[in-house]
Amino acid sequence: MNTRVWATGQTTGGPLDEVFRLVRARVADVVIERKVKQDDADDDDLFFVRIVTNPEALELECQPGGRPPFIVSDEYSWIDASDAVAAAEAVHELLSA
């Protein structure tokens, strides 16, 4: 799967931007990547979040335009979040596990 780094200045224009701002404020060495859309049928609202020293990433899904609801998941957990604060907490929880 192709991804590209989602830099600090990049935005979706939706509440997902607040999720990333909150996560970056709590986790200094976080890496956020976005799935590269391969074709029109492909979902491009999928992001991967990991610690720079860990190749294992969690997934963060959103609606188009960075809107909720959000789904934060890893290999063992799935957390539904209805707003940016809850999604950021879920990301932090799974990164800390």
N, C-alpha and C. Protein backbone atom coordinates (compact mmCIF):
# COMPACT_ATOMS: atom_id res chain seq x y z
N MET A 1 0.84 -1.17 0.00
CA MET A 1 0.00 0.00 0.00
C MET A 1 0.89 1.24 0.00
N ASN A 2 0.59 2.16 -0.87
CA ASN A 2 1.36 3.39 -0.96
C ASN A 2 0.83 4.43 0.02
N THR A 3 1.77 5.07 0.72
CA THR A 3 1.42 6.15 1.64
C THR A 3 2.38 7.30 1.42
N ARG A 4 1.99 8.46 1.93
CA ARG A 4 2.90 9.60 1.93
C ARG A 4 2.76 10.31 3.27
N VAL A 5 3.83 10.90 3.71
CA VAL A 5 3.84 11.60 5.00
C VAL A 5 2.87 12.77 4.94
N TRP A 6 2.08 12.92 5.99
CA TRP A 6 1.15 14.03 6.14
C TRP A 6 1.84 15.05 7.04
N ALA A 7 2.39 16.07 6.44
CA ALA A 7 3.21 17.06 7.15
C ALA A 7 2.36 17.94 8.07
N THR A 8 3.01 18.55 9.02
CA THR A 8 2.34 19.39 10.02
C THR A 8 1.46 20.46 9.39
N GLY A 9 1.88 21.08 8.31
CA GLY A 9 1.11 22.15 7.69
C GLY A 9 -0.03 21.70 6.80
N GLN A 10 -0.13 20.41 6.51
CA GLN A 10 -1.20 19.93 5.64
C GLN A 10 -2.50 19.85 6.42
N THR A 11 -3.62 20.13 5.74
CA THR A 11 -4.91 20.09 6.40
C THR A 11 -5.95 19.40 5.52
N THR A 12 -6.97 18.89 6.18
CA THR A 12 -8.10 18.31 5.48
C THR A 12 -9.24 19.31 5.37
N GLY A 13 -9.19 20.35 6.20
CA GLY A 13 -10.27 21.33 6.26
C GLY A 13 -11.40 20.91 7.18
N GLY A 14 -11.22 19.81 7.90
CA GLY A 14 -12.25 19.31 8.80
C GLY A 14 -11.71 19.05 10.19
N PRO A 15 -12.53 18.46 11.06
CA PRO A 15 -12.12 18.18 12.43
C PRO A 15 -10.90 17.26 12.56
N LEU A 16 -10.58 16.50 11.52
CA LEU A 16 -9.38 15.65 11.59
C LEU A 16 -8.13 16.48 11.83
N ASP A 17 -8.11 17.72 11.35
CA ASP A 17 -6.96 18.59 11.59
C ASP A 17 -6.74 18.80 13.09
N GLU A 18 -7.82 18.91 13.84
CA GLU A 18 -7.73 19.07 15.30
C GLU A 18 -7.22 17.78 15.95
N VAL A 19 -7.65 16.63 15.43
CA VAL A 19 -7.14 15.35 15.94
C VAL A 19 -5.61 15.34 15.81
N PHE A 20 -5.12 15.66 14.63
CA PHE A 20 -3.67 15.62 14.41
C PHE A 20 -2.95 16.66 15.26
N ARG A 21 -3.55 17.84 15.44
CA ARG A 21 -2.93 18.87 16.27
C ARG A 21 -2.81 18.38 17.72
N LEU A 22 -3.86 17.77 18.24
CA LEU A 22 -3.85 17.26 19.61
C LEU A 22 -2.84 16.12 19.77
N VAL A 23 -2.80 15.22 18.80
CA VAL A 23 -1.85 14.10 18.88
C VAL A 23 -0.42 14.61 18.82
N ARG A 24 -0.14 15.52 17.90
CA ARG A 24 1.23 16.06 17.78
C ARG A 24 1.65 16.83 19.04
N ALA A 25 0.70 17.44 19.72
CA ALA A 25 1.01 18.18 20.95
C ALA A 25 1.40 17.22 22.09
N ARG A 26 0.86 16.01 22.09
CA ARG A 26 1.14 15.04 23.15
C ARG A 26 2.26 14.07 22.82
N VAL A 27 2.50 13.83 21.54
CA VAL A 27 3.47 12.82 21.12
C VAL A 27 4.46 13.47 20.16
N ALA A 28 5.63 13.79 20.68
CA ALA A 28 6.62 14.56 19.89
C ALA A 28 7.14 13.79 18.68
N ASP A 29 7.29 12.50 18.79
CA ASP A 29 7.91 11.71 17.72
C ASP A 29 6.89 10.92 16.90
N VAL A 30 5.73 11.51 16.66
CA VAL A 30 4.68 10.85 15.91
C VAL A 30 4.89 11.06 14.41
N VAL A 31 4.56 10.04 13.64
CA VAL A 31 4.58 10.10 12.17
C VAL A 31 3.16 9.83 11.70
N ILE A 32 2.66 10.70 10.83
CA ILE A 32 1.33 10.54 10.26
C ILE A 32 1.49 10.40 8.75
N GLU A 33 0.86 9.37 8.20
CA GLU A 33 0.91 9.14 6.77
C GLU A 33 -0.51 8.97 6.25
N ARG A 34 -0.70 9.32 4.99
CA ARG A 34 -2.00 9.16 4.35
C ARG A 34 -1.89 8.15 3.22
N LYS A 35 -2.89 7.31 3.13
CA LYS A 35 -2.94 6.35 2.03
C LYS A 35 -3.09 7.12 0.73
N VAL A 36 -2.29 6.76 -0.26
CA VAL A 36 -2.36 7.38 -1.57
C VAL A 36 -3.47 6.71 -2.37
N LYS A 37 -4.36 7.51 -2.89
CA LYS A 37 -5.49 7.01 -3.67
C LYS A 37 -4.96 6.44 -4.99
N GLN A 38 -5.32 5.20 -5.28
CA GLN A 38 -4.85 4.52 -6.48
C GLN A 38 -5.80 4.69 -7.66
N ASP A 39 -7.11 4.76 -7.39
CA ASP A 39 -8.10 4.95 -8.44
C ASP A 39 -9.35 5.57 -7.83
N ASP A 40 -10.35 5.87 -8.65
CA ASP A 40 -11.55 6.55 -8.18
C ASP A 40 -12.34 5.75 -7.15
N ALA A 41 -12.25 4.45 -7.19
CA ALA A 41 -12.98 3.60 -6.25
C ALA A 41 -12.25 3.45 -4.92
N ASP A 42 -11.02 3.90 -4.85
CA ASP A 42 -10.19 3.73 -3.67
C ASP A 42 -10.56 4.76 -2.60
N ASP A 43 -10.50 4.33 -1.35
CA ASP A 43 -10.77 5.21 -0.20
C ASP A 43 -9.52 6.01 0.11
N ASP A 44 -9.63 7.34 0.11
CA ASP A 44 -8.45 8.16 0.42
C ASP A 44 -8.59 8.85 1.77
N ASP A 45 -9.49 8.37 2.61
CA ASP A 45 -9.69 8.94 3.94
C ASP A 45 -9.14 8.02 5.02
N LEU A 46 -8.01 7.42 4.73
CA LEU A 46 -7.35 6.50 5.63
C LEU A 46 -5.94 7.02 5.94
N PHE A 47 -5.66 7.14 7.22
CA PHE A 47 -4.38 7.64 7.69
C PHE A 47 -3.74 6.60 8.60
N PHE A 48 -2.43 6.64 8.69
CA PHE A 48 -1.67 5.75 9.56
C PHE A 48 -0.87 6.61 10.52
N VAL A 49 -0.89 6.22 11.79
CA VAL A 49 -0.21 6.98 12.84
C VAL A 49 0.71 6.02 13.59
N ARG A 50 1.96 6.43 13.77
CA ARG A 50 2.92 5.58 14.48
C ARG A 50 3.97 6.46 15.15
N ILE A 51 4.71 5.84 16.03
CA ILE A 51 5.87 6.48 16.65
C ILE A 51 7.04 6.26 15.70
N VAL A 52 7.89 7.24 15.53
CA VAL A 52 8.98 7.18 14.55
C VAL A 52 9.86 5.94 14.71
N THR A 53 10.05 5.46 15.93
CA THR A 53 10.91 4.30 16.17
C THR A 53 10.18 2.97 16.06
N ASN A 54 8.88 3.00 15.75
CA ASN A 54 8.09 1.77 15.70
C ASN A 54 7.45 1.63 14.31
N PRO A 55 7.73 0.55 13.61
CA PRO A 55 7.13 0.38 12.28
C PRO A 55 5.65 0.03 12.33
N GLU A 56 5.14 -0.41 13.49
CA GLU A 56 3.72 -0.76 13.62
C GLU A 56 2.88 0.51 13.71
N ALA A 57 1.92 0.63 12.81
CA ALA A 57 1.07 1.82 12.77
C ALA A 57 -0.36 1.46 13.12
N LEU A 58 -1.08 2.43 13.66
CA LEU A 58 -2.50 2.27 13.83
C LEU A 58 -3.20 2.99 12.69
N GLU A 59 -4.43 2.64 12.44
CA GLU A 59 -5.19 3.25 11.35
C GLU A 59 -6.19 4.25 11.92
N LEU A 60 -6.37 5.33 11.20
CA LEU A 60 -7.37 6.33 11.56
C LEU A 60 -8.18 6.62 10.30
N GLU A 61 -9.45 6.27 10.36
CA GLU A 61 -10.35 6.48 9.23
C GLU A 61 -11.30 7.62 9.56
N CYS A 62 -11.69 8.36 8.52
CA CYS A 62 -12.64 9.44 8.69
C CYS A 62 -13.54 9.51 7.47
N GLN A 63 -14.50 10.39 7.53
CA GLN A 63 -15.37 10.66 6.39
C GLN A 63 -14.67 11.66 5.47
N PRO A 64 -15.13 11.82 4.24
CA PRO A 64 -14.51 12.79 3.34
C PRO A 64 -14.41 14.18 3.98
N GLY A 65 -13.33 14.86 3.67
CA GLY A 65 -13.12 16.19 4.21
C GLY A 65 -12.66 16.20 5.66
N GLY A 66 -12.19 15.05 6.16
CA GLY A 66 -11.70 14.98 7.54
C GLY A 66 -12.80 15.08 8.58
N ARG A 67 -14.01 14.64 8.24
CA ARG A 67 -15.14 14.74 9.14
C ARG A 67 -15.35 13.44 9.93
N PRO A 68 -15.97 13.56 11.12
CA PRO A 68 -16.33 12.36 11.89
C PRO A 68 -17.52 11.65 11.25
N PRO A 69 -17.80 10.44 11.68
CA PRO A 69 -17.16 9.75 12.79
C PRO A 69 -15.78 9.22 12.40
N PHE A 70 -14.96 9.02 13.42
CA PHE A 70 -13.61 8.51 13.24
C PHE A 70 -13.56 7.08 13.75
N ILE A 71 -12.72 6.28 13.12
CA ILE A 71 -12.43 4.93 13.59
C ILE A 71 -10.93 4.84 13.77
N VAL A 72 -10.52 4.51 14.99
CA VAL A 72 -9.10 4.34 15.30
C VAL A 72 -8.90 2.87 15.62
N SER A 73 -7.97 2.23 14.94
CA SER A 73 -7.79 0.80 15.15
C SER A 73 -6.34 0.38 15.01
N ASP A 74 -6.04 -0.73 15.67
CA ASP A 74 -4.77 -1.41 15.48
C ASP A 74 -5.09 -2.88 15.29
N GLU A 75 -4.11 -3.72 15.41
CA GLU A 75 -4.32 -5.14 15.16
C GLU A 75 -5.33 -5.77 16.12
N TYR A 76 -5.44 -5.22 17.33
CA TYR A 76 -6.27 -5.83 18.37
C TYR A 76 -7.47 -5.02 18.81
N SER A 77 -7.53 -3.74 18.47
CA SER A 77 -8.57 -2.85 19.00
C SER A 77 -9.22 -2.03 17.89
N TRP A 78 -10.46 -1.62 18.19
CA TRP A 78 -11.24 -0.78 17.27
C TRP A 78 -11.99 0.19 18.16
N ILE A 79 -11.75 1.49 17.97
CA ILE A 79 -12.41 2.51 18.79
C ILE A 79 -13.14 3.48 17.87
N ASP A 80 -14.45 3.62 18.09
CA ASP A 80 -15.25 4.61 17.38
C ASP A 80 -15.18 5.91 18.16
N ALA A 81 -15.01 7.02 17.45
CA ALA A 81 -14.94 8.33 18.08
C ALA A 81 -15.82 9.30 17.30
N SER A 82 -16.65 10.02 18.02
CA SER A 82 -17.60 10.92 17.36
C SER A 82 -17.08 12.34 17.19
N ASP A 83 -15.96 12.66 17.85
CA ASP A 83 -15.42 14.02 17.72
C ASP A 83 -13.89 13.98 17.79
N ALA A 84 -13.28 15.14 17.55
CA ALA A 84 -11.82 15.23 17.46
C ALA A 84 -11.14 14.88 18.77
N VAL A 85 -11.67 15.33 19.89
CA VAL A 85 -11.04 15.06 21.19
C VAL A 85 -11.06 13.56 21.48
N ALA A 86 -12.19 12.91 21.26
CA ALA A 86 -12.29 11.47 21.50
C ALA A 86 -11.36 10.70 20.56
N ALA A 87 -11.25 11.13 19.33
CA ALA A 87 -10.35 10.46 18.38
C ALA A 87 -8.89 10.62 18.80
N ALA A 88 -8.51 11.82 19.23
CA ALA A 88 -7.13 12.05 19.67
C ALA A 88 -6.82 11.20 20.91
N GLU A 89 -7.76 11.09 21.83
CA GLU A 89 -7.57 10.24 23.01
C GLU A 89 -7.41 8.77 22.60
N ALA A 90 -8.20 8.33 21.63
CA ALA A 90 -8.10 6.94 21.16
C ALA A 90 -6.74 6.69 20.52
N VAL A 91 -6.26 7.64 19.72
CA VAL A 91 -4.94 7.50 19.11
C VAL A 91 -3.88 7.41 20.19
N HIS A 92 -3.94 8.30 21.16
CA HIS A 92 -2.95 8.29 22.24
C HIS A 92 -3.00 6.98 23.02
N GLU A 93 -4.22 6.50 23.31
CA GLU A 93 -4.38 5.25 24.04
C GLU A 93 -3.73 4.08 23.30
N LEU A 94 -3.98 3.96 22.01
CA LEU A 94 -3.43 2.85 21.25
C LEU A 94 -1.93 3.00 21.02
N LEU A 95 -1.45 4.21 20.86
CA LEU A 95 0.00 4.41 20.72
C LEU A 95 0.73 4.07 22.01
N SER A 96 0.07 4.27 23.14
CA SER A 96 0.69 4.03 24.44
C SER A 96 0.61 2.57 24.87
N ALA A 97 -0.20 1.78 24.18
CA ALA A 97 -0.41 0.37 24.59
C ALA A 97 0.83 -0.46 24.39
